[in-house]
């Protein structure tokens, strides 16, 4: 990564980086989904052990990580406060910003 960052910052051009990850938890929730039979703990274990997102978090300087986590927490709290303070949209707003070909009027 250091070489890639140096290359890009030097103006040598863009770089494509593919980082394979694996979903740890169920598709739409915080729980395990092994009981559904789509995958086993044996299948997931090596992916979780080698997960690049987890490894990045573990190797991230603790002070920098704490700052980043605080910024994210504040942004989420601000978004929730904005949403909760906002009035419900009018029914005609339902299809705002939806492409016409996807509107089934």
Protein backbone atom coordinates (compact mmCIF):
# COMPACT_ATOMS: atom_id res chain seq x y z
CA UNK A 1 0.00 0.00 0.00
CA UNK A 2 2.84 2.39 0.76
CA UNK A 3 4.16 1.99 -2.78
CA UNK A 4 0.69 2.51 -4.27
CA UNK A 5 0.12 5.67 -2.20
CA UNK A 6 3.54 7.00 -3.24
CA UNK A 7 2.79 6.25 -6.91
CA UNK A 8 -0.60 8.00 -6.86
CA UNK A 9 0.59 11.01 -4.84
CA UNK A 10 3.45 11.47 -7.29
CA UNK A 11 0.87 11.97 -10.03
CA UNK A 12 1.83 8.80 -11.85
CA UNK A 13 -1.82 7.94 -12.38
CA UNK A 14 -4.70 6.11 -10.74
CA UNK A 15 -4.49 2.66 -9.24
CA UNK A 16 -7.15 -0.01 -8.97
CA UNK A 17 -7.08 -2.03 -5.79
CA UNK A 18 -9.44 -4.96 -5.23
CA UNK A 19 -9.90 -5.98 -1.62
CA UNK A 20 -11.94 -9.14 -1.12
CA UNK A 21 -14.10 -9.23 1.98
CA UNK A 22 -16.63 -11.65 3.41
CA UNK A 23 -19.88 -10.91 5.18
CA UNK A 24 -19.50 -12.03 8.81
CA UNK A 25 -23.07 -11.68 10.01
CA UNK A 26 -26.52 -12.34 8.63
CA UNK A 27 -27.56 -10.37 5.57
CA UNK A 28 -29.68 -7.71 7.30
CA UNK A 29 -28.90 -7.98 10.98
CA UNK A 30 -26.32 -8.33 13.71
CA UNK A 31 -26.69 -12.07 14.32
CA UNK A 32 -25.08 -15.19 12.92
CA UNK A 33 -26.90 -16.98 10.10
CA UNK A 34 -25.16 -20.36 10.03
CA UNK A 35 -28.37 -22.09 11.13
CA UNK A 36 -29.94 -21.16 7.78
CA UNK A 37 -27.58 -23.52 6.00
CA UNK A 38 -26.17 -21.06 3.47
CA UNK A 39 -22.67 -21.40 4.92
CA UNK A 40 -20.83 -23.04 7.78
CA UNK A 41 -18.56 -21.70 10.48
CA UNK A 42 -15.77 -23.72 8.86
CA UNK A 43 -16.30 -21.83 5.59
CA UNK A 44 -16.38 -18.44 7.29
CA UNK A 45 -13.45 -18.91 9.70
CA UNK A 46 -10.55 -18.37 7.25
CA UNK A 47 -12.28 -15.36 5.68
CA UNK A 48 -12.84 -13.75 9.07
CA UNK A 49 -9.26 -14.47 10.14
CA UNK A 50 -7.86 -12.84 6.99
CA UNK A 51 -10.41 -10.01 6.75
CA UNK A 52 -8.60 -6.91 5.44
CA UNK A 53 -11.05 -4.50 7.11
CA UNK A 54 -10.49 -6.12 10.52
CA UNK A 55 -6.72 -6.19 9.97
CA UNK A 56 -6.70 -2.52 9.03
CA UNK A 57 -8.61 -1.71 12.20
CA UNK A 58 -6.18 -3.70 14.31
CA UNK A 59 -3.16 -2.01 12.73
CA UNK A 60 -4.58 1.50 12.75
CA UNK A 61 -2.90 3.80 15.25
CA UNK A 62 -5.16 3.85 18.32
CA UNK A 63 -5.33 7.66 18.60
CA UNK A 64 -6.14 8.05 14.90
CA UNK A 65 -8.70 5.27 15.12
CA UNK A 66 -10.37 6.89 18.14
CA UNK A 67 -10.56 10.23 16.28
CA UNK A 68 -12.06 8.56 13.22
CA UNK A 69 -14.57 6.58 15.29
CA UNK A 70 -15.61 9.77 17.12
CA UNK A 71 -16.08 11.60 13.81
CA UNK A 72 -18.21 8.75 12.46
CA UNK A 73 -20.26 8.60 15.69
CA UNK A 74 -20.87 12.36 15.50
CA UNK A 75 -21.88 12.17 11.84
CA UNK A 76 -24.33 9.36 12.59
CA UNK A 77 -25.76 11.24 15.58
CA UNK A 78 -26.18 14.38 13.44
CA UNK A 79 -27.94 12.38 10.72
CA UNK A 80 -30.32 10.84 13.26
CA UNK A 81 -31.04 14.21 14.84
CA UNK A 82 -31.75 15.73 11.41
CA UNK A 83 -34.05 12.85 10.44
CA UNK A 84 -35.93 12.89 13.74
CA UNK A 85 -36.38 16.69 13.60
CA UNK A 86 -37.53 16.66 9.97
CA UNK A 87 -41.21 16.56 9.09
CA UNK A 88 -42.58 13.53 7.29
CA UNK A 89 -42.48 14.09 3.52
CA UNK A 90 -45.66 14.64 1.57
CA UNK A 91 -46.94 11.60 -0.39
CA UNK A 92 -46.03 13.21 -3.71
CA UNK A 93 -42.38 13.15 -2.62
CA UNK A 94 -42.38 9.35 -2.71
CA UNK A 95 -40.98 9.20 -6.26
CA UNK A 96 -38.68 12.23 -6.07
CA UNK A 97 -35.26 11.48 -7.48
CA UNK A 98 -36.45 8.13 -8.88
CA UNK A 99 -35.76 7.64 -12.56
CA UNK A 100 -38.89 7.79 -14.67
CA UNK A 101 -38.35 4.27 -16.06
CA UNK A 102 -38.60 2.90 -12.51
CA UNK A 103 -41.80 4.75 -11.64
CA UNK A 104 -44.89 2.58 -11.86
CA UNK A 105 -47.59 5.21 -11.80
